[in-house]
Amino acid sequence: MDLAAVLYGRLDRSWQAQANCMGVDPDLFFPERGASTREAKEVCRGCVVREDCLEYALANGEKFGIWGGMSERERRRLRRARALQRRAAAAMTDAS
């Protein structure tokens, strides 16, 4: 099992206890299609576990809601950018 899965995957969610969103209505983080995400992102701003939350969502394929201050669309863009970076790094390694 890889370290990222242990730290950010289904095995460890201890970071959630420190999240700004604890005690906030979960519906805020799952707005209706086309509704504003501003309030949810404001809760995330300055959260000490924002990065952990985002990595958890990415590692577990969360397709809905605001996680780590990012919407589904923003996370999809981030996943694509990371995949391109990995491919570019692999291509450079293969070229060496």
PDB file of N, CA and C in Angstrom:
ATOM      1  N   MET A   1       0.849  -1.177   0.000  1.00  0.00           N
ATOM      2  CA  MET A   1       0.000   0.000   0.000  1.00  0.00           C
ATOM      3  C   MET A   1       0.889   1.232   0.000  1.00  0.00           C
ATOM      4  N   ASP A   2       0.555   2.247  -0.813  1.00  0.00           N
ATOM      5  CA  ASP A   2       1.440   3.395  -0.875  1.00  0.00           C
ATOM      6  C   ASP A   2       1.139   4.404   0.233  1.00  0.00           C
ATOM      7  N   LEU A   3       2.123   5.219   0.538  1.00  0.00           N
ATOM      8  CA  LEU A   3       2.035   6.165   1.642  1.00  0.00           C
ATOM      9  C   LEU A   3       0.906   7.172   1.444  1.00  0.00           C
ATOM     10  N   ALA A   4       0.716   7.644   0.216  1.00  0.00           N
ATOM     11  CA  ALA A   4      -0.345   8.618  -0.046  1.00  0.00           C
ATOM     12  C   ALA A   4      -1.713   8.029   0.298  1.00  0.00           C
ATOM     13  N   ALA A   5      -1.908   6.755  -0.015  1.00  0.00           N
ATOM     14  CA  ALA A   5      -3.188   6.116   0.306  1.00  0.00           C
ATOM     15  C   ALA A   5      -3.398   6.050   1.809  1.00  0.00           C
ATOM     16  N   VAL A   6      -2.333   5.801   2.542  1.00  0.00           N
ATOM     17  CA  VAL A   6      -2.435   5.739   4.001  1.00  0.00           C
ATOM     18  C   VAL A   6      -2.712   7.132   4.573  1.00  0.00           C
ATOM     19  N   LEU A   7      -1.974   8.129   4.072  1.00  0.00           N
ATOM     20  CA  LEU A   7      -2.113   9.480   4.616  1.00  0.00           C
ATOM     21  C   LEU A   7      -3.398  10.160   4.186  1.00  0.00           C
ATOM     22  N   TYR A   8      -3.779  10.010   2.908  1.00  0.00           N
ATOM     23  CA  TYR A   8      -4.900  10.764   2.385  1.00  0.00           C
ATOM     24  C   TYR A   8      -6.096   9.909   1.994  1.00  0.00           C
ATOM     25  N   GLY A   9      -5.903   8.638   1.971  1.00  0.00           N
ATOM     26  CA  GLY A   9      -6.959   7.757   1.509  1.00  0.00           C
ATOM     27  C   GLY A   9      -7.960   7.403   2.595  1.00  0.00           C
ATOM     28  N   ARG A  10      -8.589   6.317   2.391  1.00  0.00           N
ATOM     29  CA  ARG A  10      -9.684   5.887   3.257  1.00  0.00           C
ATOM     30  C   ARG A  10      -9.219   5.473   4.653  1.00  0.00           C
ATOM     31  N   LEU A  11      -7.912   5.273   4.830  1.00  0.00           N
ATOM     32  CA  LEU A  11      -7.426   4.764   6.102  1.00  0.00           C
ATOM     33  C   LEU A  11      -7.260   5.823   7.185  1.00  0.00           C
ATOM     34  N   ASP A  12      -7.007   7.076   6.800  1.00  0.00           N
ATOM     35  CA  ASP A  12      -6.750   8.103   7.803  1.00  0.00           C
ATOM     36  C   ASP A  12      -7.582   9.344   7.536  1.00  0.00           C
ATOM     37  N   ARG A  13      -8.463   9.617   8.459  1.00  0.00           N
ATOM     38  CA  ARG A  13      -9.266  10.829   8.365  1.00  0.00           C
ATOM     39  C   ARG A  13      -9.139  11.660   9.636  1.00  0.00           C
ATOM     40  N   SER A  14      -8.065  11.461  10.382  1.00  0.00           N
ATOM     41  CA  SER A  14      -7.901  12.174  11.645  1.00  0.00           C
ATOM     42  C   SER A  14      -7.852  13.683  11.446  1.00  0.00           C
ATOM     43  N   TRP A  15      -7.438  14.135  10.269  1.00  0.00           N
ATOM     44  CA  TRP A  15      -7.372  15.558   9.970  1.00  0.00           C
ATOM     45  C   TRP A  15      -8.742  16.215  10.040  1.00  0.00           C
ATOM     46  N   GLN A  16      -9.799  15.452   9.819  1.00  0.00           N
ATOM     47  CA  GLN A  16     -11.147  16.020   9.785  1.00  0.00           C
ATOM     48  C   GLN A  16     -11.545  16.686  11.097  1.00  0.00           C
ATOM     49  N   ALA A  17     -11.018  16.200  12.205  1.00  0.00           N
ATOM     50  CA  ALA A  17     -11.376  16.777  13.512  1.00  0.00           C
ATOM     51  C   ALA A  17     -10.907  18.220  13.644  1.00  0.00           C
ATOM     52  N   GLN A  18      -9.912  18.625  12.860  1.00  0.00           N
ATOM     53  CA  GLN A  18      -9.369  19.982  12.927  1.00  0.00           C
ATOM     54  C   GLN A  18      -9.959  20.911  11.865  1.00  0.00           C
ATOM     55  N   ALA A  19     -10.855  20.406  11.043  1.00  0.00           N
ATOM     56  CA  ALA A  19     -11.378  21.161   9.908  1.00  0.00           C
ATOM     57  C   ALA A  19     -12.319  22.286  10.341  1.00  0.00           C
ATOM     58  N   ASN A  20     -12.239  23.397   9.626  1.00  0.00           N
ATOM     59  CA  ASN A  20     -13.132  24.534   9.879  1.00  0.00           C
ATOM     60  C   ASN A  20     -14.595  24.161   9.670  1.00  0.00           C
ATOM     61  N   CYS A  21     -14.846  23.166   8.847  1.00  0.00           N
ATOM     62  CA  CYS A  21     -16.222  22.814   8.505  1.00  0.00           C
ATOM     63  C   CYS A  21     -16.919  21.933   9.547  1.00  0.00           C
ATOM     64  N   MET A  22     -16.179  21.507  10.561  1.00  0.00           N
ATOM     65  CA  MET A  22     -16.818  20.686  11.595  1.00  0.00           C
ATOM     66  C   MET A  22     -17.963  21.483  12.222  1.00  0.00           C
ATOM     67  N   GLY A  23     -19.140  20.900  12.227  1.00  0.00           N
ATOM     68  CA  GLY A  23     -20.303  21.556  12.814  1.00  0.00           C
ATOM     69  C   GLY A  23     -21.065  22.451  11.850  1.00  0.00           C
ATOM     70  N   VAL A  24     -20.534  22.629  10.625  1.00  0.00           N
ATOM     71  CA  VAL A  24     -21.221  23.426   9.613  1.00  0.00           C
ATOM     72  C   VAL A  24     -22.150  22.505   8.834  1.00  0.00           C
ATOM     73  N   ASP A  25     -23.299  23.018   8.434  1.00  0.00           N
ATOM     74  CA  ASP A  25     -24.259  22.226   7.669  1.00  0.00           C
ATOM     75  C   ASP A  25     -23.594  21.684   6.401  1.00  0.00           C
ATOM     76  N   PRO A  26     -23.523  20.364   6.225  1.00  0.00           N
ATOM     77  CA  PRO A  26     -22.871  19.765   5.053  1.00  0.00           C
ATOM     78  C   PRO A  26     -23.486  20.211   3.726  1.00  0.00           C
ATOM     79  N   ASP A  27     -24.757  20.584   3.735  1.00  0.00           N
ATOM     80  CA  ASP A  27     -25.402  21.024   2.499  1.00  0.00           C
ATOM     81  C   ASP A  27     -24.694  22.240   1.898  1.00  0.00           C
ATOM     82  N   LEU A  28     -24.036  23.031   2.733  1.00  0.00           N
ATOM     83  CA  LEU A  28     -23.298  24.191   2.251  1.00  0.00           C
ATOM     84  C   LEU A  28     -22.214  23.773   1.264  1.00  0.00           C
ATOM     85  N   PHE A  29     -21.636  22.588   1.463  1.00  0.00           N
ATOM     86  CA  PHE A  29     -20.525  22.108   0.646  1.00  0.00           C
ATOM     87  C   PHE A  29     -20.980  21.296  -0.566  1.00  0.00           C
ATOM     88  N   PHE A  30     -22.273  21.119  -0.696  1.00  0.00           N
ATOM     89  CA  PHE A  30     -22.842  20.399  -1.838  1.00  0.00           C
ATOM     90  C   PHE A  30     -23.979  21.233  -2.432  1.00  0.00           C
ATOM     91  N   PRO A  31     -23.616  22.405  -2.988  1.00  0.00           N
ATOM     92  CA  PRO A  31     -24.648  23.308  -3.514  1.00  0.00           C
ATOM     93  C   PRO A  31     -25.328  22.735  -4.760  1.00  0.00           C
ATOM     94  N   GLU A  32     -26.526  23.207  -4.999  1.00  0.00           N
ATOM     95  CA  GLU A  32     -27.250  22.813  -6.207  1.00  0.00           C
ATOM     96  C   GLU A  32     -26.457  23.271  -7.429  1.00  0.00           C
ATOM     97  N   ARG A  33     -26.648  22.582  -8.525  1.00  0.00           N
ATOM     98  CA  ARG A  33     -25.947  22.930  -9.767  1.00  0.00           C
ATOM     99  C   ARG A  33     -26.208  24.399 -10.107  1.00  0.00           C
ATOM    100  N   GLY A  34     -25.132  25.130 -10.354  1.00  0.00           N
ATOM    101  CA  GLY A  34     -25.238  26.538 -10.713  1.00  0.00           C
ATOM    102  C   GLY A  34     -25.289  27.483  -9.528  1.00  0.00           C
ATOM    103  N   ALA A  35     -25.440  26.953  -8.321  1.00  0.00           N
ATOM    104  CA  ALA A  35     -25.495  27.803  -7.122  1.00  0.00           C
ATOM    105  C   ALA A  35     -24.087  28.248  -6.738  1.00  0.00           C
ATOM    106  N   SER A  36     -24.004  29.287  -5.970  1.00  0.00           N
ATOM    107  CA  SER A  36     -22.713  29.837  -5.550  1.00  0.00           C
ATOM    108  C   SER A  36     -21.979  28.881  -4.607  1.00  0.00           C
ATOM    109  N   THR A  37     -20.675  28.845  -4.769  1.00  0.00           N
ATOM    110  CA  THR A  37     -19.815  28.060  -3.874  1.00  0.00           C
ATOM    111  C   THR A  37     -19.043  28.981  -2.933  1.00  0.00           C
ATOM    112  N   ARG A  38     -19.309  30.268  -3.017  1.00  0.00           N
ATOM    113  CA  ARG A  38     -18.549  31.270  -2.282  1.00  0.00           C
ATOM    114  C   ARG A  38     -18.541  31.022  -0.772  1.00  0.00           C
ATOM    115  N   GLU A  39     -19.715  30.752  -0.191  1.00  0.00           N
ATOM    116  CA  GLU A  39     -19.783  30.557   1.265  1.00  0.00           C
ATOM    117  C   GLU A  39     -18.976  29.341   1.715  1.00  0.00           C
ATOM    118  N   ALA A  40     -19.084  28.260   0.980  1.00  0.00           N
ATOM    119  CA  ALA A  40     -18.333  27.049   1.329  1.00  0.00           C
ATOM    120  C   ALA A  40     -16.839  27.307   1.238  1.00  0.00           C
ATOM    121  N   LYS A  41     -16.419  27.966   0.173  1.00  0.00           N
ATOM    122  CA  LYS A  41     -14.996  28.256  -0.009  1.00  0.00           C
ATOM    123  C   LYS A  41     -14.482  29.217   1.064  1.00  0.00           C
ATOM    124  N   GLU A  42     -15.351  30.078   1.535  1.00  0.00           N
ATOM    125  CA  GLU A  42     -14.962  30.992   2.615  1.00  0.00           C
ATOM    126  C   GLU A  42     -14.690  30.213   3.901  1.00  0.00           C
ATOM    127  N   VAL A  43     -15.464  29.171   4.169  1.00  0.00           N
ATOM    128  CA  VAL A  43     -15.219  28.316   5.339  1.00  0.00           C
ATOM    129  C   VAL A  43     -13.858  27.644   5.190  1.00  0.00           C
ATOM    130  N   CYS A  44     -13.533  27.227   3.977  1.00  0.00           N
ATOM    131  CA  CYS A  44     -12.268  26.530   3.718  1.00  0.00           C
ATOM    132  C   CYS A  44     -11.053  27.461   3.812  1.00  0.00           C
ATOM    133  N   ARG A  45     -11.256  28.723   3.481  1.00  0.00           N
ATOM    134  CA  ARG A  45     -10.136  29.674   3.465  1.00  0.00           C
ATOM    135  C   ARG A  45      -9.508  29.736   4.856  1.00  0.00           C
ATOM    136  N   GLY A  46      -8.227  29.520   4.930  1.00  0.00           N
ATOM    137  CA  GLY A  46      -7.522  29.587   6.210  1.00  0.00           C
ATOM    138  C   GLY A  46      -7.625  28.325   7.055  1.00  0.00           C
ATOM    139  N   CYS A  47      -8.297  27.305   6.537  1.00  0.00           N
ATOM    140  CA  CYS A  47      -8.422  26.053   7.290  1.00  0.00           C
ATOM    141  C   CYS A  47      -7.058  25.366   7.353  1.00  0.00           C
ATOM    142  N   VAL A  48      -6.686  24.914   8.533  1.00  0.00           N
ATOM    143  CA  VAL A  48      -5.361  24.312   8.720  1.00  0.00           C
ATOM    144  C   VAL A  48      -5.219  22.953   8.024  1.00  0.00           C
ATOM    145  N   VAL A  49      -6.328  22.319   7.693  1.00  0.00           N
ATOM    146  CA  VAL A  49      -6.264  21.010   7.034  1.00  0.00           C
ATOM    147  C   VAL A  49      -6.797  21.067   5.601  1.00  0.00           C
ATOM    148  N   ARG A  50      -6.817  22.246   5.033  1.00  0.00           N
ATOM    149  CA  ARG A  50      -7.336  22.420   3.671  1.00  0.00           C
ATOM    150  C   ARG A  50      -6.623  21.511   2.679  1.00  0.00           C
ATOM    151  N   GLU A  51      -5.307  21.452   2.737  1.00  0.00           N
ATOM    152  CA  GLU A  51      -4.547  20.610   1.803  1.00  0.00           C
ATOM    153  C   GLU A  51      -4.854  19.128   2.025  1.00  0.00           C
ATOM    154  N   ASP A  52      -4.963  18.713   3.284  1.00  0.00           N
ATOM    155  CA  ASP A  52      -5.305  17.312   3.579  1.00  0.00           C
ATOM    156  C   ASP A  52      -6.670  16.965   2.993  1.00  0.00           C
ATOM    157  N   CYS A  53      -7.609  17.884   3.141  1.00  0.00           N
ATOM    158  CA  CYS A  53      -8.965  17.691   2.630  1.00  0.00           C
ATOM    159  C   CYS A  53      -8.947  17.554   1.111  1.00  0.00           C
ATOM    160  N   LEU A  54      -8.226  18.441   0.463  1.00  0.00           N
ATOM    161  CA  LEU A  54      -8.127  18.390  -0.992  1.00  0.00           C
ATOM    162  C   LEU A  54      -7.481  17.092  -1.455  1.00  0.00           C
ATOM    163  N   GLU A  55      -6.389  16.704  -0.832  1.00  0.00           N
ATOM    164  CA  GLU A  55      -5.704  15.467  -1.223  1.00  0.00           C
ATOM    165  C   GLU A  55      -6.583  14.250  -0.974  1.00  0.00           C
ATOM    166  N   TYR A  56      -7.359  14.272   0.105  1.00  0.00           N
ATOM    167  CA  TYR A  56      -8.293  13.178   0.378  1.00  0.00           C
ATOM    168  C   TYR A  56      -9.305  13.059  -0.772  1.00  0.00           C
ATOM    169  N   ALA A  57      -9.858  14.202  -1.170  1.00  0.00           N
ATOM    170  CA  ALA A  57     -10.853  14.198  -2.250  1.00  0.00           C
ATOM    171  C   ALA A  57     -10.246  13.692  -3.552  1.00  0.00           C
ATOM    172  N   LEU A  58      -9.029  14.117  -3.852  1.00  0.00           N
ATOM    173  CA  LEU A  58      -8.366  13.677  -5.077  1.00  0.00           C
ATOM    174  C   LEU A  58      -8.048  12.181  -5.029  1.00  0.00           C
ATOM    175  N   ALA A  59      -7.541  11.721  -3.899  1.00  0.00           N
ATOM    176  CA  ALA A  59      -7.161  10.309  -3.754  1.00  0.00           C
ATOM    177  C   ALA A  59      -8.366   9.383  -3.803  1.00  0.00           C
ATOM    178  N   ASN A  60      -9.517   9.887  -3.373  1.00  0.00           N
ATOM    179  CA  ASN A  60     -10.709   9.049  -3.295  1.00  0.00           C
ATOM    180  C   ASN A  60     -11.716   9.323  -4.399  1.00  0.00           C
ATOM    181  N   GLY A  61     -11.327  10.148  -5.355  1.00  0.00           N
ATOM    182  CA  GLY A  61     -12.198  10.395  -6.506  1.00  0.00           C
ATOM    183  C   GLY A  61     -13.504  11.072  -6.168  1.00  0.00           C
ATOM    184  N   GLU A  62     -13.498  11.957  -5.177  1.00  0.00           N
ATOM    185  CA  GLU A  62     -14.732  12.682  -4.832  1.00  0.00           C
ATOM    186  C   GLU A  62     -15.150  13.519  -6.029  1.00  0.00           C
ATOM    187  N   LYS A  63     -16.327  13.266  -6.536  1.00  0.00           N
ATOM    188  CA  LYS A  63     -16.785  13.961  -7.733  1.00  0.00           C
ATOM    189  C   LYS A  63     -17.726  15.116  -7.423  1.00  0.00           C
ATOM    190  N   PHE A  64     -18.216  15.197  -6.213  1.00  0.00           N
ATOM    191  CA  PHE A  64     -19.203  16.220  -5.878  1.00  0.00           C
ATOM    192  C   PHE A  64     -18.758  17.020  -4.668  1.00  0.00           C
ATOM    193  N   GLY A  65     -19.205  18.252  -4.613  1.00  0.00           N
ATOM    194  CA  GLY A  65     -18.991  19.075  -3.434  1.00  0.00           C
ATOM    195  C   GLY A  65     -17.704  19.873  -3.447  1.00  0.00           C
ATOM    196  N   ILE A  66     -17.572  20.691  -2.414  1.00  0.00           N
ATOM    197  CA  ILE A  66     -16.386  21.507  -2.201  1.00  0.00           C
ATOM    198  C   ILE A  66     -15.497  20.754  -1.226  1.00  0.00           C
ATOM    199  N   TRP A  67     -14.279  20.498  -1.641  1.00  0.00           N
ATOM    200  CA  TRP A  67     -13.287  19.816  -0.811  1.00  0.00           C
ATOM    201  C   TRP A  67     -11.998  20.614  -0.889  1.00  0.00           C
ATOM    202  N   GLY A  68     -11.424  20.942   0.246  1.00  0.00           N
ATOM    203  CA  GLY A  68     -10.169  21.684   0.244  1.00  0.00           C
ATOM    204  C   GLY A  68     -10.283  23.025  -0.459  1.00  0.00           C
ATOM    205  N   GLY A  69     -11.473  23.588  -0.448  1.00  0.00           N
ATOM    206  CA  GLY A  69     -11.685  24.887  -1.066  1.00  0.00           C
ATOM    207  C   GLY A  69     -11.822  24.855  -2.573  1.00  0.00           C
ATOM    208  N   MET A  70     -11.979  23.670  -3.146  1.00  0.00           N
ATOM    209  CA  MET A  70     -12.097  23.555  -4.604  1.00  0.00           C
ATOM    210  C   MET A  70     -13.387  22.844  -5.003  1.00  0.00           C
ATOM    211  N   SER A  71     -13.950  23.314  -6.098  1.00  0.00           N
ATOM    212  CA  SER A  71     -15.152  22.690  -6.659  1.00  0.00           C
ATOM    213  C   SER A  71     -14.764  21.450  -7.458  1.00  0.00           C
ATOM    214  N   GLU A  72     -15.773  20.731  -7.920  1.00  0.00           N
ATOM    215  CA  GLU A  72     -15.520  19.547  -8.750  1.00  0.00           C
ATOM    216  C   GLU A  72     -14.714  19.930  -9.989  1.00  0.00           C
ATOM    217  N   ARG A  73     -15.105  21.005 -10.635  1.00  0.00           N
ATOM    218  CA  ARG A  73     -14.434  21.453 -11.861  1.00  0.00           C
ATOM    219  C   ARG A  73     -12.980  21.821 -11.582  1.00  0.00           C
ATOM    220  N   GLU A  74     -12.743  22.512 -10.486  1.00  0.00           N
ATOM    221  CA  GLU A  74     -11.369  22.906 -10.138  1.00  0.00           C
ATOM    222  C   GLU A  74     -10.500  21.691  -9.830  1.00  0.00           C
ATOM    223  N   ARG A  75     -11.076  20.699  -9.134  1.00  0.00           N
ATOM    224  CA  ARG A  75     -10.319  19.471  -8.842  1.00  0.00           C
ATOM    225  C   ARG A  75     -10.021  18.699 -10.112  1.00  0.00           C
ATOM    226  N   ARG A  76     -10.965  18.683 -11.041  1.00  0.00           N
ATOM    227  CA  ARG A  76     -10.752  17.996 -12.319  1.00  0.00           C
ATOM    228  C   ARG A  76      -9.581  18.642 -13.066  1.00  0.00           C
ATOM    229  N   ARG A  77      -9.545  19.964 -13.087  1.00  0.00           N
ATOM    230  CA  ARG A  77      -8.425  20.676 -13.730  1.00  0.00           C
ATOM    231  C   ARG A  77      -7.106  20.340 -13.052  1.00  0.00           C
ATOM    232  N   LEU A  78      -7.109  20.299 -11.724  1.00  0.00           N
ATOM    233  CA  LEU A  78      -5.893  19.983 -10.971  1.00  0.00           C
ATOM    234  C   LEU A  78      -5.423  18.563 -11.275  1.00  0.00           C
ATOM    235  N   ARG A  79      -6.363  17.608 -11.329  1.00  0.00           N
ATOM    236  CA  ARG A  79      -5.999  16.221 -11.665  1.00  0.00           C
ATOM    237  C   ARG A  79      -5.365  16.156 -13.051  1.00  0.00           C
ATOM    238  N   ARG A  80      -5.961  16.866 -14.004  1.00  0.00           N
ATOM    239  CA  ARG A  80      -5.403  16.879 -15.367  1.00  0.00           C
ATOM    240  C   ARG A  80      -4.006  17.477 -15.376  1.00  0.00           C
ATOM    241  N   ALA A  81      -3.832  18.599 -14.691  1.00  0.00           N
ATOM    242  CA  ALA A  81      -2.515  19.259 -14.661  1.00  0.00           C
ATOM    243  C   ALA A  81      -1.471  18.348 -14.031  1.00  0.00           C
ATOM    244  N   ARG A  82      -1.834  17.658 -12.950  1.00  0.00           N
ATOM    245  CA  ARG A  82      -0.892  16.731 -12.311  1.00  0.00           C
ATOM    246  C   ARG A  82      -0.556  15.564 -13.227  1.00  0.00           C
ATOM    247  N   ALA A  83      -1.560  15.061 -13.948  1.00  0.00           N
ATOM    248  CA  ALA A  83      -1.318  13.951 -14.873  1.00  0.00           C
ATOM    249  C   ALA A  83      -0.362  14.390 -15.990  1.00  0.00           C
ATOM    250  N   LEU A  84      -0.548  15.605 -16.495  1.00  0.00           N
ATOM    251  CA  LEU A  84       0.352  16.120 -17.528  1.00  0.00           C
ATOM    252  C   LEU A  84       1.763  16.267 -16.988  1.00  0.00           C
ATOM    253  N   GLN A  85       1.900  16.731 -15.764  1.00  0.00           N
ATOM    254  CA  GLN A  85       3.225  16.865 -15.154  1.00  0.00           C
ATOM    255  C   GLN A  85       3.895  15.505 -15.006  1.00  0.00           C
ATOM    256  N   ARG A  86       3.122  14.500 -14.572  1.00  0.00           N
ATOM    257  CA  ARG A  86       3.685  13.149 -14.426  1.00  0.00           C
ATOM    258  C   ARG A  86       4.138  12.601 -15.774  1.00  0.00           C
ATOM    259  N   ARG A  87       3.302  12.817 -16.804  1.00  0.00           N
ATOM    260  CA  ARG A  87       3.669  12.342 -18.141  1.00  0.00           C
ATOM    261  C   ARG A  87       4.918  13.037 -18.652  1.00  0.00           C
ATOM    262  N   ALA A  88       4.999  14.338 -18.426  1.00  0.00           N
ATOM    263  CA  ALA A  88       6.172  15.093 -18.877  1.00  0.00           C
ATOM    264  C   ALA A  88       7.424  14.614 -18.150  1.00  0.00           C
ATOM    265  N   ALA A  89       7.306  14.374 -16.853  1.00  0.00           N
ATOM    266  CA  ALA A  89       8.447  13.886 -16.070  1.00  0.00           C
ATOM    267  C   ALA A  89       8.858  12.501 -16.543  1.00  0.00           C
ATOM    268  N   ALA A  90       7.882  11.644 -16.830  1.00  0.00           N
ATOM    269  CA  ALA A  90       8.179  10.293 -17.316  1.00  0.00           C
ATOM    270  C   ALA A  90       8.837  10.347 -18.690  1.00  0.00           C
ATOM    271  N   ALA A  91       8.375  11.250 -19.542  1.00  0.00           N
ATOM    272  CA  ALA A  91       8.965  11.390 -20.870  1.00  0.00           C
ATOM    273  C   ALA A  91      10.411  11.854 -20.782  1.00  0.00           C
ATOM    274  N   MET A  92      10.697  12.756 -19.849  1.00  0.00           N
ATOM    275  CA  MET A  92      12.056  13.248 -19.672  1.00  0.00           C
ATOM    276  C   MET A  92      12.956  12.127 -19.142  1.00  0.00           C
ATOM    277  N   THR A  93      12.411  11.301 -18.260  1.00  0.00           N
ATOM    278  CA  THR A  93      13.167  10.178 -17.716  1.00  0.00           C
ATOM    279  C   THR A  93      13.460   9.154 -18.816  1.00  0.00           C
ATOM    280  N   ASP A  94      12.443   8.895 -19.650  1.00  0.00           N
ATOM    281  CA  ASP A  94      12.609   7.946 -20.753  1.00  0.00           C
ATOM    282  C   ASP A  94      13.613   8.461 -21.776  1.00  0.00           C
ATOM    283  N   ALA A  95      13.680   9.759 -21.959  1.00  0.00           N
ATOM    284  CA  ALA A  95      14.584  10.360 -22.946  1.00  0.00           C
ATOM    285  C   ALA A  95      16.036  10.348 -22.472  1.00  0.00           C
ATOM    286  N   SER A  96      16.226  10.194 -21.173  1.00  0.00           N
ATOM    287  CA  SER A  96      17.603  10.216 -20.622  1.00  0.00           C
ATOM    288  C   SER A  96      18.357   8.957 -20.899  1.00  0.00           C
TER     289      SER A  96
END
